[in-house]
Protein backbone atom coordinates (compact mmCIF):
# COMPACT_ATOMS: atom_id res chain seq x y z
CA UNK A 1 0.00 0.00 0.00
CA UNK A 2 2.86 2.36 0.73
CA UNK A 3 4.19 1.91 -2.78
CA UNK A 4 0.79 2.83 -4.24
CA UNK A 5 0.71 5.96 -2.09
CA UNK A 6 4.05 6.89 -3.63
CA UNK A 7 2.55 6.43 -7.09
CA UNK A 8 -0.43 8.62 -6.16
CA UNK A 9 1.94 11.35 -4.99
CA UNK A 10 3.79 11.28 -8.30
CA UNK A 11 0.64 11.15 -10.38
CA UNK A 12 -0.97 14.03 -8.52
CA UNK A 13 2.18 16.14 -8.66
CA UNK A 14 2.75 15.51 -12.37
CA UNK A 15 -0.80 16.55 -13.30
CA UNK A 16 -0.68 19.74 -11.23
CA UNK A 17 2.81 20.56 -12.51
CA UNK A 18 1.75 20.19 -16.16
CA UNK A 19 -1.37 22.29 -15.65
CA UNK A 20 0.41 25.09 -13.79
CA UNK A 21 3.33 24.94 -16.21
CA UNK A 22 1.21 25.49 -19.29
CA UNK A 23 -0.47 28.43 -17.60
CA UNK A 24 2.62 30.05 -16.10
CA UNK A 25 4.70 29.83 -19.28
CA UNK A 26 2.22 32.03 -21.16
CA UNK A 27 1.74 34.38 -18.20
CA UNK A 28 3.75 37.38 -17.05
CA UNK A 29 5.40 35.38 -14.27
CA UNK A 30 9.11 36.05 -13.51
CA UNK A 31 11.63 34.31 -15.78
CA UNK A 32 12.98 31.95 -13.08
CA UNK A 33 9.50 30.69 -12.27
CA UNK A 34 8.87 30.04 -15.96
CA UNK A 35 12.14 28.09 -16.17
CA UNK A 36 11.06 25.91 -13.24
CA UNK A 37 7.89 24.96 -15.12
CA UNK A 38 9.63 24.18 -18.42
CA UNK A 39 9.69 20.44 -17.76
CA UNK A 40 6.17 19.43 -18.75
CA UNK A 41 7.55 16.82 -21.14
CA UNK A 42 9.35 15.17 -18.25
CA UNK A 43 6.08 15.05 -16.32
CA UNK A 44 4.46 13.23 -19.24
CA UNK A 45 7.31 10.69 -19.25
CA UNK A 46 6.50 10.09 -15.56
CA UNK A 47 2.90 9.42 -16.62
CA UNK A 48 4.07 6.87 -19.22
CA UNK A 49 6.24 5.03 -16.71
CA UNK A 50 3.52 5.06 -14.05
CA UNK A 51 1.02 3.80 -16.60
CA UNK A 52 3.13 0.74 -17.40
CA UNK A 53 3.64 0.06 -13.71
CA UNK A 54 -0.04 0.41 -12.85
CA UNK A 55 -1.14 -1.80 -15.75
CA UNK A 56 1.25 -4.50 -14.55
CA UNK A 57 -0.12 -4.18 -11.00
CA UNK A 58 -3.73 -4.29 -12.20
CA UNK A 59 -3.06 -7.32 -14.38
CA UNK A 60 -1.26 -9.17 -11.58
CA UNK A 61 -4.18 -8.59 -9.20
CA UNK A 62 -7.07 -9.02 -11.62
CA UNK A 63 -9.47 -11.92 -11.17
CA UNK A 64 -10.85 -11.53 -14.70
CA UNK A 65 -8.06 -11.62 -17.29
CA UNK A 66 -10.34 -11.72 -20.35
CA UNK A 67 -9.51 -9.42 -23.28
CA UNK A 68 -13.08 -8.14 -23.33
CA UNK A 69 -12.94 -6.99 -19.71
CA UNK A 70 -9.51 -5.45 -20.17
CA UNK A 71 -10.43 -3.44 -23.26
CA UNK A 72 -13.73 -2.21 -21.81
CA UNK A 73 -11.91 -0.95 -18.70
CA UNK A 74 -9.23 0.80 -20.72
CA UNK A 75 -11.73 2.20 -23.24
CA UNK A 76 -14.07 3.77 -20.71
CA UNK A 77 -11.13 5.03 -18.62
CA UNK A 78 -9.39 6.88 -21.42
CA UNK A 79 -12.25 7.81 -23.75
CA UNK A 80 -14.87 9.26 -21.40
CA UNK A 81 -12.59 12.01 -20.03
CA UNK A 82 -11.31 12.54 -23.59
CA UNK A 83 -14.84 13.19 -24.89
CA UNK A 84 -15.37 15.58 -21.97
CA UNK A 85 -12.14 17.34 -22.97
CA UNK A 86 -13.52 17.68 -26.53
CA UNK A 87 -16.61 19.39 -25.14
CA UNK A 88 -14.58 21.72 -22.91
CA UNK A 89 -12.36 22.64 -25.87
CA UNK A 90 -15.37 23.41 -28.05
CA UNK A 91 -16.73 25.70 -25.33
CA UNK A 92 -13.53 27.51 -24.35
CA UNK A 93 -10.96 27.22 -27.16
CA UNK A 94 -10.91 29.80 -29.95
CA UNK A 95 -9.26 27.58 -32.58
CA UNK A 96 -11.22 26.72 -35.72
CA UNK A 97 -13.06 23.40 -35.58
CA UNK A 98 -11.57 20.83 -37.95
CA UNK A 99 -13.47 17.65 -38.83
CA UNK A 100 -10.21 15.95 -39.86
CA UNK A 101 -8.61 16.89 -36.56
CA UNK A 102 -11.64 15.73 -34.59
CA UNK A 103 -11.78 12.33 -36.31
CA UNK A 104 -8.01 11.94 -36.00
CA UNK A 105 -8.17 12.58 -32.24
CA UNK A 106 -11.16 10.27 -31.90
CA UNK A 107 -9.07 7.49 -33.44
CA UNK A 108 -6.05 8.45 -31.30
CA UNK A 109 -3.80 9.69 -34.11
CA UNK A 110 -2.88 13.07 -32.60
CA UNK A 111 0.64 14.25 -31.86
CA UNK A 112 2.72 17.40 -31.35
CA UNK A 113 2.65 18.61 -34.95
CA UNK A 114 5.82 20.38 -36.06
CA UNK A 115 7.53 19.44 -32.78
CA UNK A 116 7.38 15.81 -33.88
CA UNK A 117 7.69 15.27 -37.68
CA UNK A 118 5.37 12.68 -39.15
CA UNK A 119 2.36 13.75 -37.11
CA UNK A 120 -0.97 12.86 -38.69
CA UNK A 121 -3.12 15.45 -36.90
CA UNK A 122 -2.60 17.98 -34.12
CA UNK A 123 -4.36 17.76 -30.78
CA UNK A 124 -8.04 18.73 -31.00
CA UNK A 125 -8.60 22.50 -31.03
CA UNK A 126 -5.07 23.12 -29.77
CA UNK A 127 -5.52 21.15 -26.52
CA UNK A 128 -1.84 20.15 -26.65
CA UNK A 129 -1.74 17.71 -23.69
CA UNK A 130 -3.97 15.34 -25.64
CA UNK A 131 -0.97 14.26 -27.76
CA UNK A 132 0.15 11.74 -25.16
CA UNK A 133 -3.19 9.89 -25.17
CA UNK A 134 -2.52 8.49 -28.63
CA UNK A 135 0.66 6.91 -27.24
CA UNK A 136 -1.06 5.60 -24.10
CA UNK A 137 -3.86 4.06 -26.15
CA UNK A 138 -1.48 2.11 -28.39
CA UNK A 139 0.44 0.89 -25.34
CA UNK A 140 -2.83 -0.30 -23.82
CA UNK A 141 -3.68 -2.15 -27.04
CA UNK A 142 -0.27 -3.82 -27.18
CA UNK A 143 -0.06 -4.97 -23.57
CA UNK A 144 -2.53 -7.91 -23.53
CA UNK A 145 -0.86 -9.42 -26.59
CA UNK A 146 2.81 -8.64 -25.97
CA UNK A 147 3.10 -9.23 -22.22
CA UNK A 148 1.48 -12.70 -22.02
CA UNK A 149 3.55 -13.82 -25.00
CA UNK A 150 6.94 -12.82 -23.56
CA UNK A 151 6.49 -12.39 -19.80
CA UNK A 152 8.20 -15.69 -18.98
CA UNK A 153 10.91 -15.34 -21.59
CA UNK A 154 14.47 -14.64 -20.49
CA UNK A 155 14.79 -12.49 -23.63
CA UNK A 156 11.76 -10.28 -23.09
CA UNK A 157 13.79 -7.09 -22.56
CA UNK A 158 15.82 -7.91 -25.67
CA UNK A 159 12.60 -8.35 -27.65
CA UNK A 160 11.14 -5.03 -26.52
CA UNK A 161 14.46 -3.17 -26.71
CA UNK A 162 15.30 -4.28 -30.25
CA UNK A 163 11.73 -3.64 -31.40
CA UNK A 164 11.73 -0.07 -30.05
CA UNK A 165 15.20 0.77 -31.36
CA UNK A 166 14.27 -0.47 -34.85
CA UNK A 167 11.16 1.72 -34.77
CA UNK A 168 13.17 4.74 -33.66
CA UNK A 169 15.64 4.22 -36.49
CA UNK A 170 12.74 3.87 -38.93
CA UNK A 171 11.25 7.06 -37.53
CA UNK A 172 14.51 8.97 -38.02
CA UNK A 173 14.72 7.83 -41.65
CA UNK A 174 10.99 7.92 -42.43
CA UNK A 175 9.26 10.23 -39.88
CA UNK A 176 5.89 8.71 -39.14
CA UNK A 177 3.55 8.86 -36.16
CA UNK A 178 3.30 5.07 -35.85
CA UNK A 179 7.06 4.58 -35.74
CA UNK A 180 7.29 7.30 -33.09
CA UNK A 181 4.63 5.69 -30.88
CA UNK A 182 6.15 2.22 -31.15
CA UNK A 183 9.63 3.50 -30.27
CA UNK A 184 8.24 5.10 -27.09
CA UNK A 185 6.93 1.71 -26.01
CA UNK A 186 10.34 1.25 -24.36
CA UNK A 187 9.51 4.00 -21.86
CA UNK A 188 6.12 2.51 -21.05
CA UNK A 189 7.65 -0.96 -20.76
CA UNK A 190 10.16 0.45 -18.30
CA UNK A 191 7.25 1.12 -15.97
CA UNK A 192 6.09 -2.45 -16.38
CA UNK A 193 9.56 -3.78 -15.55
CA UNK A 194 9.68 -1.53 -12.48
CA UNK A 195 6.30 -2.94 -11.47
CA UNK A 196 7.70 -6.45 -11.79
CA UNK A 197 10.69 -5.43 -9.68
CA UNK A 198 8.84 -3.67 -6.87
CA UNK A 199 5.50 -5.49 -6.88
CA UNK A 200 6.18 -8.83 -8.55
CA UNK A 201 8.99 -11.34 -9.04
CA UNK A 202 12.36 -9.61 -8.78
CA UNK A 203 14.13 -12.63 -10.20
CA UNK A 204 12.63 -11.89 -13.63
CA UNK A 205 14.04 -8.37 -13.73
CA UNK A 206 17.37 -7.70 -15.44
CA UNK A 207 18.10 -3.98 -15.03
CA UNK A 208 21.51 -4.04 -16.71
CA UNK A 209 20.01 -5.32 -19.95
CA UNK A 210 17.39 -2.56 -19.97
CA UNK A 211 20.10 -0.01 -19.19
CA UNK A 212 22.03 -1.29 -22.19
CA UNK A 213 19.11 -0.63 -24.52
CA UNK A 214 18.71 2.86 -23.11
CA UNK A 215 22.39 3.52 -23.85
CA UNK A 216 21.91 2.33 -27.43
CA UNK A 217 18.75 4.41 -27.87
CA UNK A 218 20.37 7.54 -26.42
CA UNK A 219 23.47 7.06 -28.58
CA UNK A 220 21.33 6.85 -31.73
CA UNK A 221 19.36 9.95 -30.68
CA UNK A 222 22.54 11.87 -29.80
CA UNK A 223 24.09 11.12 -33.19
CA UNK A 224 20.86 12.23 -34.84
CA UNK A 225 20.93 15.50 -32.85
CA UNK A 226 24.53 16.17 -33.91
CA UNK A 227 23.76 15.53 -37.59
CA UNK A 228 20.63 17.66 -37.40
CA UNK A 229 22.50 20.51 -35.72
CA UNK A 230 25.22 20.53 -38.36
CA UNK A 231 22.54 20.92 -41.02
CA UNK A 232 20.17 23.35 -39.30
CA UNK A 233 22.48 25.21 -36.88
CA UNK A 234 19.72 25.42 -34.29
CA UNK A 235 18.88 23.88 -30.92
CA UNK A 236 15.34 23.85 -29.56
CA UNK A 237 14.76 21.37 -26.75
CA UNK A 238 11.02 21.31 -27.33
CA UNK A 239 11.31 20.13 -30.93
CA UNK A 240 12.67 17.24 -32.96
CA UNK A 241 15.25 15.73 -32.63
CA UNK A 242 16.21 17.17 -29.24
CA UNK A 243 12.78 16.41 -27.82
CA UNK A 244 13.25 12.67 -28.35
CA UNK A 245 16.69 12.72 -26.71
CA UNK A 246 15.22 14.69 -23.82
CA UNK A 247 12.32 12.23 -23.39
CA UNK A 248 14.42 9.08 -23.39
CA UNK A 249 17.14 10.74 -21.35
CA UNK A 250 14.69 11.56 -18.58
CA UNK A 251 13.17 8.07 -18.71
CA UNK A 252 16.69 6.71 -18.28
CA UNK A 253 17.23 8.97 -15.25
CA UNK A 254 13.93 7.82 -13.71
CA UNK A 255 14.91 4.20 -14.22
CA UNK A 256 18.36 4.63 -12.68
CA UNK A 257 16.97 6.54 -9.69
CA UNK A 258 14.29 3.92 -9.10
CA UNK A 259 16.68 0.94 -9.15
CA UNK A 260 20.03 2.23 -7.94
CA UNK A 261 19.00 5.14 -5.71
CA UNK A 262 15.77 3.75 -4.32
CA UNK A 263 16.03 5.16 -0.78
CA UNK A 264 16.83 8.68 -1.96
CA UNK A 265 14.10 8.52 -4.61
CA UNK A 266 11.51 7.46 -2.03
CA UNK A 267 12.48 10.36 0.20
CA UNK A 268 12.18 12.85 -2.64
CA UNK A 269 8.79 11.48 -3.66
CA UNK A 270 7.77 11.54 0.00
CA UNK A 271 8.06 15.33 -0.15
CA UNK A 272 5.30 15.27 -2.76
CA UNK A 273 2.85 13.36 -0.56
CA UNK A 274 0.54 16.38 -0.32
CA UNK A 275 -0.16 16.04 -4.05
CA UNK A 276 -1.67 12.56 -3.58
CA UNK A 277 -4.97 14.33 -2.90
CA UNK A 278 -5.09 15.19 -6.62
CA UNK A 279 -4.39 11.61 -7.77
CA UNK A 280 -8.08 10.59 -8.15
CA UNK A 281 -8.68 13.52 -10.52
CA UNK A 282 -5.20 13.71 -12.09
CA UNK A 283 -6.31 12.48 -15.52
CA UNK A 284 -9.19 14.96 -15.51
CA UNK A 285 -6.85 17.82 -14.61
CA UNK A 286 -4.48 16.75 -17.39
CA UNK A 287 -7.01 16.63 -20.25
CA UNK A 288 -9.27 19.51 -19.14
CA UNK A 289 -6.91 22.25 -17.95
CA UNK A 290 -5.45 23.60 -21.20
CA UNK A 291 -8.56 25.16 -22.81
CA UNK A 292 -9.50 26.83 -19.51
CA UNK A 293 -6.13 27.96 -18.18
CA UNK A 294 -4.39 28.82 -21.45
CA UNK A 295 -6.85 29.24 -24.31
CA UNK A 296 -9.46 31.51 -22.78
CA UNK A 297 -9.72 34.68 -20.73
CA UNK A 298 -12.57 35.72 -18.47
CA UNK A 299 -11.50 39.39 -18.44
CA UNK A 300 -11.47 39.52 -14.65
CA UNK A 301 -8.94 41.09 -12.30
CA UNK A 302 -5.81 38.93 -12.15
CA UNK A 303 -6.41 37.32 -8.76
CA UNK A 304 -10.09 36.74 -9.46
CA UNK A 305 -9.26 35.09 -12.81
CA UNK A 306 -6.71 32.86 -11.10
CA UNK A 307 -9.23 31.67 -8.54
CA UNK A 308 -12.02 31.18 -11.08
CA UNK A 309 -9.86 29.19 -13.48
CA UNK A 310 -8.39 26.93 -10.81
CA UNK A 311 -11.81 26.33 -9.27
CA UNK A 312 -13.30 25.56 -12.69
CA UNK A 313 -10.57 23.07 -13.64
CA UNK A 314 -10.73 21.25 -10.30
CA UNK A 315 -14.54 21.22 -10.30
CA UNK A 316 -14.75 19.83 -13.82
CA UNK A 317 -12.06 17.23 -13.10
CA UNK A 318 -13.97 16.16 -9.97
CA UNK A 319 -17.25 16.03 -11.90
CA UNK A 320 -15.76 13.92 -14.70
CA UNK A 321 -13.62 11.55 -12.63
CA UNK A 322 -15.47 11.16 -9.33
CA UNK A 323 -19.10 11.83 -10.18
CA UNK A 324 -19.62 10.75 -13.80
CA UNK A 325 -16.90 8.16 -14.45
CA UNK A 326 -18.37 5.58 -12.00
CA UNK A 327 -21.75 5.94 -13.75
CA UNK A 328 -20.11 5.35 -17.12
CA UNK A 329 -18.31 2.32 -15.69
CA UNK A 330 -21.67 0.83 -14.65
CA UNK A 331 -23.10 1.40 -18.11
CA UNK A 332 -20.13 -0.10 -19.93
CA UNK A 333 -19.34 -3.48 -18.40
């Protein structure tokens, strides 16, 4: 139970950090405060790792392992708040409605646009945080087929590592959303391996092998950054190819801290315990905050607008996750 409290602290903190970060970066806040909130991508990587860990934990403790039950749970969990986010964006966002964009997001094909070459569509009505849902959804779809097939194999990390590295190399040569998503499966799988280590059978876990694949991935991404820089003479950490290096680099740091600096990591996460209160509505905060905090203005005095926006985001997240989601779960069984 203590370990799950730690996960709740991280999940709550990451959602609040992303929401505040998006808001503060476009505000008139002091430069140093803006710099502190420049790590939203890293918070999303935490979400990916936690997702893999939680799915492992849920699978290990599930009494019904049928594909039907699994997909219904994942579908209603990810799609109901997403549809609510669509509605909130339509109400608050000022971007022009695009049928292509809407359908693309409905089928989980959205990504970061020019920040990630090969994107099919942008996030619906400029609600940028929605990009990560297309990755999560594919990981959810892969898990019930990949994990049972390789979970008892001594080569399972090799299988996943080689698969993801091949997809990253394909993405570098032929930028495509699908190659990008499949290469990021390594980060999500890292969460699953950490779940096995902390909550399952430690004998199955081989951290040095996974570390090796991270070194290979980071080497490939570093070489790509160097080649890109020589051609374009520019560095922007929020865009390709530096964004990919940044994402996998932070996932590597999270992995190392979790395995080799466990005591220190637990202490640091312990400082975030207060954020566990937001864990039950963290997904709602993540998908609903952007149109309200960033894309609209209520033309109120600064402090009044701050209070109204925060209250609105938290209220809507509570309504979606705590009030309505259980009703949807009863309808879709």
